[in-house]
Amino acid sequence: MAVKNNISVVIIAGNEQEIIKKALKSASWADQIVLVAANSTDDTVKIAKKFTKDIVIHSDEYGKHFDIWRNLGLKKAISDWIFYLDADEVISPQLKKELIETAKSNTPHTYYALPRQNHYLGKKVRSGGSYPDHVKRFYKRNKLKKWVGNVHEEPVIEGTMGMLNSDLLHYTHRDLTSMLEKTIIWTQTEAKALHDAKHPPVVWWRIFRMMLTKFWERLIKQSAWKDGTAGIVNSIFEVFNTFIIYARLWEMQNRKK
C-alpha cells in the first residue's frame, strides 16, 4: 500500500446500513479503512466492501463489548496513526485537514482529543452539555497498547494528550425510533454495570431523585432549552433513560434466583 497520509481509520458498526456510507465516504482519504462488523446482519458489510477490503467480522452482541471491537481494529490497522470513527459520525473537511497535518508533523503528543458537534433530531445543538463534548480518538499506533472496559472503554496508552480544534460531526438521536432502539440496548448495559458495582438497593425515592437530578442538570444548569424543541425533547428523553436504567437495576436486584 502506498502511504499518503499515514492514517488508518477504524469504524465499528452493528446494523448501520442506513448511515454507514456517510462515515465511510468521510474517511475515504485515509490510507486504510478498517471496519469491525459486530454481529451485523443487514447490508452494512456489503456497503463497506465498496470502500475497503479490511473488514473484521465478529459475532458478538452489539453494544456490549466496545473494548474488544476497538482492540480488533487496533490489531488490523497498519498506519502509524489511527483514528476511531463511529458509524453515526462524519469526519469534517476541516478535521481531515488537521488530522493529516498532525500525522505529518513532529508532534510530541501520542494521542489527541477533539470536539464533537452533536446533532439531535436533525438539528445542530450546542447546549445541555452537547458541545464541545471532547472525545479521544486519534492515536499513535505503536503507543496504544489496548482498550479496556466493556461500555465506557478507555485506552491504555503511553505518552501525552494533545487537543485538536476541528469538529467531528455526530448524527446521534436521528429520530425517536432510533433513540428508543438505543435505549433498549444501552439502559440494560448501564444497569448491569451499576449492578456489578454493587449499587445500593433501588427504592422509589432514588428513582425520582435521579430523574430530577438529570432534568435539572441538562435542561436548567446546562441550558438545553437554548437549543429549542430539539434540546427540550432530548433532555426529557435523557430523564426517561435514567428512569429505565434504575427500573432495570431495581429489577435485577429483586430478581428471584
Protein backbone atom coordinates (compact mmCIF):
# COMPACT_ATOMS: atom_id res chain seq x y z
CA MET A 1 0.00 0.00 0.00
CA ALA A 2 1.32 3.44 -0.96
CA VAL A 3 1.46 5.66 2.08
CA LYS A 4 -0.28 9.00 1.58
CA ASN A 5 -1.36 10.31 4.94
CA ASN A 6 -0.13 7.56 7.28
CA ILE A 7 -3.57 7.28 8.91
CA SER A 8 -5.84 4.27 9.36
CA VAL A 9 -9.49 4.87 10.21
CA VAL A 10 -11.22 2.19 12.31
CA ILE A 11 -15.02 2.07 12.19
CA ILE A 12 -17.13 -0.11 14.48
CA ALA A 13 -20.65 -0.94 13.32
CA GLY A 14 -23.58 -3.20 14.05
CA ASN A 15 -26.59 -2.94 11.74
CA GLU A 16 -25.92 0.52 10.28
CA GLN A 17 -26.86 0.17 6.61
CA GLU A 18 -28.83 3.44 6.68
CA ILE A 19 -25.90 5.61 7.78
CA ILE A 20 -22.60 3.75 7.29
CA LYS A 21 -21.96 5.15 3.79
CA LYS A 22 -21.57 8.72 5.09
CA ALA A 23 -18.97 7.63 7.63
CA LEU A 24 -17.07 5.59 5.03
CA LYS A 25 -17.09 8.41 2.46
CA SER A 26 -15.80 10.89 5.02
CA ALA A 27 -12.84 8.55 5.68
CA SER A 28 -12.11 7.64 2.04
CA TRP A 29 -8.97 9.81 2.02
CA ALA A 30 -7.24 7.63 4.65
CA ASP A 31 -4.56 5.09 3.71
CA GLN A 32 -6.67 2.35 5.25
CA ILE A 33 -10.23 1.89 6.48
CA VAL A 34 -10.86 -0.97 8.88
CA LEU A 35 -14.47 -1.95 9.52
CA VAL A 36 -15.17 -4.07 12.59
CA ALA A 37 -18.62 -5.55 11.98
CA ALA A 38 -20.10 -6.63 15.31
CA ASN A 39 -22.81 -9.17 14.55
CA SER A 40 -24.04 -7.20 11.50
CA THR A 41 -26.94 -8.93 9.80
CA ASP A 42 -28.05 -6.23 7.35
CA ASP A 43 -26.17 -4.73 4.35
CA THR A 44 -23.56 -2.87 6.41
CA VAL A 45 -20.71 -5.17 5.35
CA LYS A 46 -21.86 -5.20 1.71
CA ILE A 47 -21.77 -1.40 1.59
CA ALA A 48 -18.39 -1.29 3.33
CA LYS A 49 -16.84 -3.63 0.75
CA LYS A 50 -17.11 -0.81 -1.80
CA PHE A 51 -14.70 1.23 0.33
CA THR A 52 -12.35 -1.30 1.94
CA LYS A 53 -11.13 -4.88 1.97
CA ASP A 54 -10.09 -4.69 5.62
CA ILE A 55 -13.25 -5.97 7.28
CA VAL A 56 -13.28 -7.89 10.55
CA ILE A 57 -16.41 -9.98 11.13
CA HIS A 58 -17.02 -10.54 14.83
CA SER A 59 -20.03 -12.40 16.18
CA ASP A 60 -20.88 -10.54 19.34
CA GLU A 61 -23.86 -8.70 20.77
CA TYR A 62 -23.69 -5.09 19.60
CA GLY A 63 -23.47 -2.53 22.38
CA LYS A 64 -21.79 -4.84 24.89
CA HIS A 65 -18.04 -5.08 24.27
CA PHE A 66 -16.60 -1.94 22.74
CA ASP A 67 -13.14 -2.66 24.13
CA ILE A 68 -12.99 -5.97 22.22
CA TRP A 69 -14.07 -4.31 18.97
CA ARG A 70 -11.63 -1.43 19.28
CA ASN A 71 -8.83 -3.89 20.01
CA LEU A 72 -9.73 -5.86 16.87
CA GLY A 73 -9.45 -2.64 14.87
CA LEU A 74 -6.11 -1.84 16.51
CA LYS A 75 -4.76 -5.26 15.56
CA LYS A 76 -5.79 -4.82 11.92
CA ALA A 77 -4.55 -1.23 11.48
CA ILE A 78 -1.17 -0.76 9.74
CA SER A 79 -0.62 3.02 9.60
CA ASP A 80 1.40 4.96 12.17
CA TRP A 81 -1.73 6.84 13.28
CA ILE A 82 -5.24 5.52 14.00
CA PHE A 83 -8.48 7.47 14.05
CA TYR A 84 -11.53 5.78 15.59
CA LEU A 85 -14.82 6.70 13.91
CA ASP A 86 -18.31 5.59 14.93
CA ALA A 87 -20.86 4.63 12.29
CA ASP A 88 -23.03 7.68 13.03
CA GLU A 89 -20.13 10.13 12.76
CA VAL A 90 -18.59 12.06 9.88
CA ILE A 91 -15.08 13.48 9.57
CA SER A 92 -15.49 17.12 8.56
CA PRO A 93 -13.19 18.59 5.84
CA GLN A 94 -11.57 20.80 8.48
CA LEU A 95 -10.89 17.81 10.74
CA LYS A 96 -9.49 15.80 7.82
CA LYS A 97 -7.00 18.59 7.11
CA GLU A 98 -5.97 18.85 10.76
CA LEU A 99 -5.55 15.08 11.14
CA ILE A 100 -3.29 14.88 8.09
CA GLU A 101 -1.20 17.86 9.22
CA THR A 102 -0.82 16.39 12.71
CA ALA A 103 0.21 12.95 11.41
CA LYS A 104 2.90 14.55 9.24
CA SER A 105 4.22 16.82 11.98
CA ASN A 106 6.81 16.15 14.67
CA THR A 107 4.21 16.32 17.40
CA PRO A 108 5.35 15.47 20.95
CA HIS A 109 1.92 14.01 21.75
CA THR A 110 0.91 10.39 21.24
CA TYR A 111 -2.85 10.87 21.19
CA TYR A 112 -5.43 13.60 20.76
CA ALA A 113 -8.89 14.61 21.89
CA LEU A 114 -11.14 16.70 19.68
CA PRO A 115 -14.52 18.47 19.87
CA ARG A 116 -17.60 16.58 18.69
CA GLN A 117 -20.52 18.51 17.23
CA ASN A 118 -23.71 16.65 18.13
CA HIS A 119 -26.90 16.74 16.08
CA TYR A 120 -30.20 15.78 17.74
CA LEU A 121 -33.29 15.09 15.65
CA GLY A 122 -31.64 16.73 12.64
CA LYS A 123 -30.62 19.90 14.49
CA LYS A 124 -27.12 21.03 15.48
CA VAL A 125 -27.10 21.56 19.24
CA ARG A 126 -24.67 23.48 21.44
CA SER A 127 -26.20 23.48 24.92
CA GLY A 128 -27.19 20.89 27.52
CA GLY A 129 -23.62 19.56 27.70
CA SER A 130 -23.74 18.66 24.00
CA TYR A 131 -20.76 20.77 22.90
CA PRO A 132 -17.79 20.65 22.73
CA ASP A 133 -18.18 17.04 24.00
CA HIS A 134 -14.46 16.24 23.67
CA VAL A 135 -13.61 12.65 22.71
CA LYS A 136 -10.25 10.87 22.50
CA ARG A 137 -10.00 9.38 19.00
CA PHE A 138 -6.59 9.96 17.36
CA TYR A 139 -3.68 7.72 18.42
CA LYS A 140 -0.07 6.90 17.58
CA ARG A 141 -0.44 3.20 16.87
CA ASN A 142 2.77 1.96 18.49
CA LYS A 143 1.92 3.79 21.74
CA LEU A 144 -1.66 2.49 22.01
CA LYS A 145 -1.42 -0.81 23.87
CA LYS A 146 -5.06 -1.83 24.19
CA TRP A 147 -8.58 -0.81 25.18
CA VAL A 148 -10.22 -1.81 28.45
CA GLY A 149 -13.82 -1.56 29.69
CA ASN A 150 -16.90 -3.09 28.09
CA VAL A 151 -19.05 0.05 27.88
CA HIS A 152 -17.10 3.20 28.76
CA GLU A 153 -13.91 1.86 27.26
CA GLU A 154 -10.62 3.67 27.83
CA PRO A 155 -7.28 3.43 26.03
CA VAL A 156 -4.12 2.13 27.68
CA ILE A 157 -1.51 4.35 26.04
CA GLU A 158 1.96 5.73 26.62
CA GLY A 159 2.69 9.43 26.28
CA THR A 160 0.76 12.70 26.49
CA MET A 161 -2.51 14.00 25.08
CA GLY A 162 -2.89 16.97 22.76
CA MET A 163 -6.02 18.82 21.62
CA LEU A 164 -7.33 19.27 18.08
CA ASN A 165 -9.59 22.19 17.15
CA SER A 166 -11.78 20.89 14.31
CA ASP A 167 -15.18 19.26 14.85
CA LEU A 168 -16.13 15.63 14.43
CA LEU A 169 -19.77 15.59 13.27
CA HIS A 170 -22.03 13.27 15.28
CA TYR A 171 -25.52 12.48 13.96
CA THR A 172 -26.86 10.78 17.03
CA HIS A 173 -30.55 10.62 18.03
CA ARG A 174 -31.64 10.88 14.40
CA ASP A 175 -35.28 10.13 15.18
CA LEU A 176 -37.38 8.85 18.07
CA THR A 177 -37.36 5.29 16.72
CA SER A 178 -33.56 5.07 16.72
CA MET A 179 -33.48 6.74 20.15
CA LEU A 180 -35.80 4.09 21.57
CA GLU A 181 -33.76 1.29 19.97
CA LYS A 182 -30.60 2.63 21.62
CA THR A 183 -32.43 2.93 24.93
CA ILE A 184 -33.25 -0.79 24.88
CA ILE A 185 -29.56 -1.68 24.41
CA TRP A 186 -27.78 0.93 26.49
CA THR A 187 -30.02 1.03 29.56
CA GLN A 188 -29.59 -2.71 30.01
CA THR A 189 -25.81 -2.32 29.76
CA GLU A 190 -25.71 0.67 32.13
CA ALA A 191 -27.95 -1.07 34.66
CA LYS A 192 -25.79 -4.19 34.62
CA ALA A 193 -22.66 -2.07 35.18
CA LEU A 194 -24.30 -0.50 38.26
CA HIS A 195 -25.48 -3.90 39.47
CA ASP A 196 -22.00 -5.42 39.08
CA ALA A 197 -20.59 -2.46 41.03
CA LYS A 198 -22.89 -3.36 43.95
CA HIS A 199 -25.05 -0.24 43.71
CA PRO A 200 -27.17 0.37 46.85
CA PRO A 201 -30.69 -1.05 46.72
CA VAL A 202 -33.03 0.95 44.48
CA VAL A 203 -36.06 2.35 46.29
CA TRP A 204 -38.79 4.55 44.81
CA TRP A 205 -37.37 7.86 46.03
CA ARG A 206 -33.95 7.11 44.49
CA ILE A 207 -35.54 6.74 41.07
CA PHE A 208 -37.27 10.10 41.37
CA ARG A 209 -34.14 11.76 42.73
CA MET A 210 -32.00 10.57 39.82
CA MET A 211 -34.63 11.66 37.29
CA LEU A 212 -34.94 15.12 38.84
CA THR A 213 -31.16 15.45 39.00
CA LYS A 214 -30.86 14.64 35.30
CA PHE A 215 -33.67 17.08 34.44
CA TRP A 216 -32.03 19.89 36.43
CA GLU A 217 -28.56 19.17 35.07
CA ARG A 218 -29.47 19.08 31.37
CA LEU A 219 -32.42 21.43 30.95
CA ILE A 220 -31.63 24.08 33.57
CA LYS A 221 -27.98 24.03 34.65
CA GLN A 222 -26.61 23.28 31.17
CA SER A 223 -29.37 25.29 29.42
CA ALA A 224 -30.55 22.66 26.93
CA TRP A 225 -33.65 24.82 26.39
CA LYS A 226 -31.47 27.18 24.33
CA ASP A 227 -31.48 24.58 21.54
CA GLY A 228 -35.25 24.87 21.21
CA THR A 229 -37.60 21.94 20.87
CA ALA A 230 -34.81 19.50 19.92
CA GLY A 231 -32.92 20.34 23.12
CA ILE A 232 -36.02 20.05 25.29
CA VAL A 233 -37.11 16.75 23.71
CA ASN A 234 -33.62 15.30 24.13
CA SER A 235 -33.42 16.40 27.78
CA ILE A 236 -36.76 14.81 28.60
CA PHE A 237 -35.63 11.67 26.78
CA GLU A 238 -32.48 11.56 28.94
CA VAL A 239 -34.71 11.72 32.02
CA PHE A 240 -36.69 8.81 30.56
CA ASN A 241 -33.44 6.89 30.00
CA THR A 242 -32.48 7.50 33.62
CA PHE A 243 -35.82 6.07 34.74
CA ILE A 244 -35.32 2.94 32.60
CA ILE A 245 -31.77 2.41 33.88
CA TYR A 246 -32.84 2.49 37.52
CA ALA A 247 -36.01 0.50 36.88
CA ARG A 248 -33.88 -2.19 35.22
CA LEU A 249 -31.44 -2.06 38.13
CA TRP A 250 -34.31 -2.47 40.60
CA GLU A 251 -35.50 -5.44 38.55
CA MET A 252 -32.04 -7.03 38.63
CA GLN A 253 -31.69 -6.52 42.37
CA ASN A 254 -35.07 -8.10 43.05
CA ARG A 255 -34.98 -10.89 40.53
CA LYS A 256 -35.51 -14.27 42.18
CA LYS A 257 -32.57 -16.60 41.80
